[in-house]
PDB file of N, CA and C in Angstrom:
ATOM      1  N   MET A   1       0.856  -1.212   0.000  1.00  0.00           N
ATOM      2  CA  MET A   1       0.000   0.000   0.000  1.00  0.00           C
ATOM      3  C   MET A   1       0.885   1.252   0.000  1.00  0.00           C
ATOM      4  N   ALA A   2       2.050   1.146   0.538  1.00  0.00           N
ATOM      5  CA  ALA A   2       2.950   2.326   0.570  1.00  0.00           C
ATOM      6  C   ALA A   2       3.182   2.822  -0.849  1.00  0.00           C
ATOM      7  N   GLU A   3       3.249   1.895  -1.777  1.00  0.00           N
ATOM      8  CA  GLU A   3       3.480   2.310  -3.184  1.00  0.00           C
ATOM      9  C   GLU A   3       2.330   3.184  -3.665  1.00  0.00           C
ATOM     10  N   ILE A   4       1.135   2.831  -3.297  1.00  0.00           N
ATOM     11  CA  ILE A   4      -0.037   3.617  -3.733  1.00  0.00           C
ATOM     12  C   ILE A   4       0.051   5.039  -3.181  1.00  0.00           C
ATOM     13  N   TRP A   5       0.365   5.144  -1.893  1.00  0.00           N
ATOM     14  CA  TRP A   5       0.457   6.491  -1.284  1.00  0.00           C
ATOM     15  C   TRP A   5       1.546   7.293  -1.981  1.00  0.00           C
ATOM     16  N   SER A   6       2.657   6.618  -2.288  1.00  0.00           N
ATOM     17  CA  SER A   6       3.783   7.316  -2.951  1.00  0.00           C
ATOM     18  C   SER A   6       3.317   7.838  -4.313  1.00  0.00           C
ATOM     19  N   ASN A   7       2.607   6.996  -5.030  1.00  0.00           N
ATOM     20  CA  ASN A   7       2.115   7.395  -6.354  1.00  0.00           C
ATOM     21  C   ASN A   7       1.129   8.549  -6.202  1.00  0.00           C
ATOM     22  N   LEU A   8       0.308   8.468  -5.197  1.00  0.00           N
ATOM     23  CA  LEU A   8      -0.698   9.525  -4.978  1.00  0.00           C
ATOM     24  C   LEU A   8      -0.007  10.871  -4.764  1.00  0.00           C
ATOM     25  N   ALA A   9       1.022  10.879  -3.930  1.00  0.00           N
ATOM     26  CA  ALA A   9       1.748  12.141  -3.675  1.00  0.00           C
ATOM     27  C   ALA A   9       2.450  12.591  -4.947  1.00  0.00           C
ATOM     28  N   ARG A  10       2.908  11.650  -5.744  1.00  0.00           N
ATOM     29  CA  ARG A  10       3.653  12.030  -6.976  1.00  0.00           C
ATOM     30  C   ARG A  10       2.664  12.436  -8.071  1.00  0.00           C
ATOM     31  N   GLY A  11       1.601  11.700  -8.216  1.00  0.00           N
ATOM     32  CA  GLY A  11       0.636  12.020  -9.290  1.00  0.00           C
ATOM     33  C   GLY A  11      -0.255  13.195  -8.883  1.00  0.00           C
ATOM     34  N   GLY A  12      -0.404  13.434  -7.606  1.00  0.00           N
ATOM     35  CA  GLY A  12      -1.251  14.559  -7.180  1.00  0.00           C
ATOM     36  C   GLY A  12      -2.729  14.239  -7.421  1.00  0.00           C
ATOM     37  N   ALA A  13      -3.447  15.166  -8.000  1.00  0.00           N
ATOM     38  CA  ALA A  13      -4.888  14.954  -8.242  1.00  0.00           C
ATOM     39  C   ALA A  13      -5.082  13.718  -9.122  1.00  0.00           C
ATOM     40  N   ARG A  14      -4.225  13.560 -10.126  1.00  0.00           N
ATOM     41  CA  ARG A  14      -4.386  12.387 -11.036  1.00  0.00           C
ATOM     42  C   ARG A  14      -4.190  11.102 -10.227  1.00  0.00           C
ATOM     43  N   GLY A  15      -3.158  11.049  -9.424  1.00  0.00           N
ATOM     44  CA  GLY A  15      -2.906   9.835  -8.625  1.00  0.00           C
ATOM     45  C   GLY A  15      -4.084   9.577  -7.680  1.00  0.00           C
ATOM     46  N   ARG A  16      -4.644  10.648  -7.152  1.00  0.00           N
ATOM     47  CA  ARG A  16      -5.773  10.477  -6.197  1.00  0.00           C
ATOM     48  C   ARG A  16      -6.955   9.822  -6.910  1.00  0.00           C
ATOM     49  N   PHE A  17      -7.256  10.290  -8.086  1.00  0.00           N
ATOM     50  CA  PHE A  17      -8.397   9.707  -8.824  1.00  0.00           C
ATOM     51  C   PHE A  17      -8.132   8.226  -9.112  1.00  0.00           C
ATOM     52  N   ARG A  18      -6.904   7.947  -9.509  1.00  0.00           N
ATOM     53  CA  ARG A  18      -6.550   6.537  -9.854  1.00  0.00           C
ATOM     54  C   ARG A  18      -6.598   5.696  -8.572  1.00  0.00           C
ATOM     55  N   LEU A  19      -6.148   6.248  -7.493  1.00  0.00           N
ATOM     56  CA  LEU A  19      -6.146   5.498  -6.221  1.00  0.00           C
ATOM     57  C   LEU A  19      -7.587   5.143  -5.841  1.00  0.00           C
ATOM     58  N   MET A  20      -8.485   6.120  -5.948  1.00  0.00           N
ATOM     59  CA  MET A  20      -9.899   5.869  -5.603  1.00  0.00           C
ATOM     60  C   MET A  20     -10.472   4.801  -6.535  1.00  0.00           C
ATOM     61  N   SER A  21     -10.126   4.913  -7.811  1.00  0.00           N
ATOM     62  CA  SER A  21     -10.638   3.935  -8.796  1.00  0.00           C
ATOM     63  C   SER A  21     -10.121   2.541  -8.438  1.00  0.00           C
ATOM     64  N   GLY A  22      -8.853   2.454  -8.092  1.00  0.00           N
ATOM     65  CA  GLY A  22      -8.272   1.151  -7.752  1.00  0.00           C
ATOM     66  C   GLY A  22      -8.950   0.571  -6.501  1.00  0.00           C
ATOM     67  N   LEU A  23      -9.204   1.430  -5.529  1.00  0.00           N
ATOM     68  CA  LEU A  23      -9.819   0.929  -4.278  1.00  0.00           C
ATOM     69  C   LEU A  23     -11.240   0.441  -4.562  1.00  0.00           C
ATOM     70  N   ARG A  24     -11.935   1.179  -5.428  1.00  0.00           N
ATOM     71  CA  ARG A  24     -13.334   0.796  -5.724  1.00  0.00           C
ATOM     72  C   ARG A  24     -13.317  -0.483  -6.560  1.00  0.00           C
ATOM     73  N   ARG A  25     -12.329  -0.605  -7.426  1.00  0.00           N
ATOM     74  CA  ARG A  25     -12.258  -1.790  -8.306  1.00  0.00           C
ATOM     75  C   ARG A  25     -11.865  -2.952  -7.423  1.00  0.00           C
TER      76      ARG A  25
END
């Protein structure tokens, strides 16, 4: 999960949307 948080901080808003999509999927 640490990788996801890292991507979220790096991708910013884009990473956040992808993170939410991944969690819902």
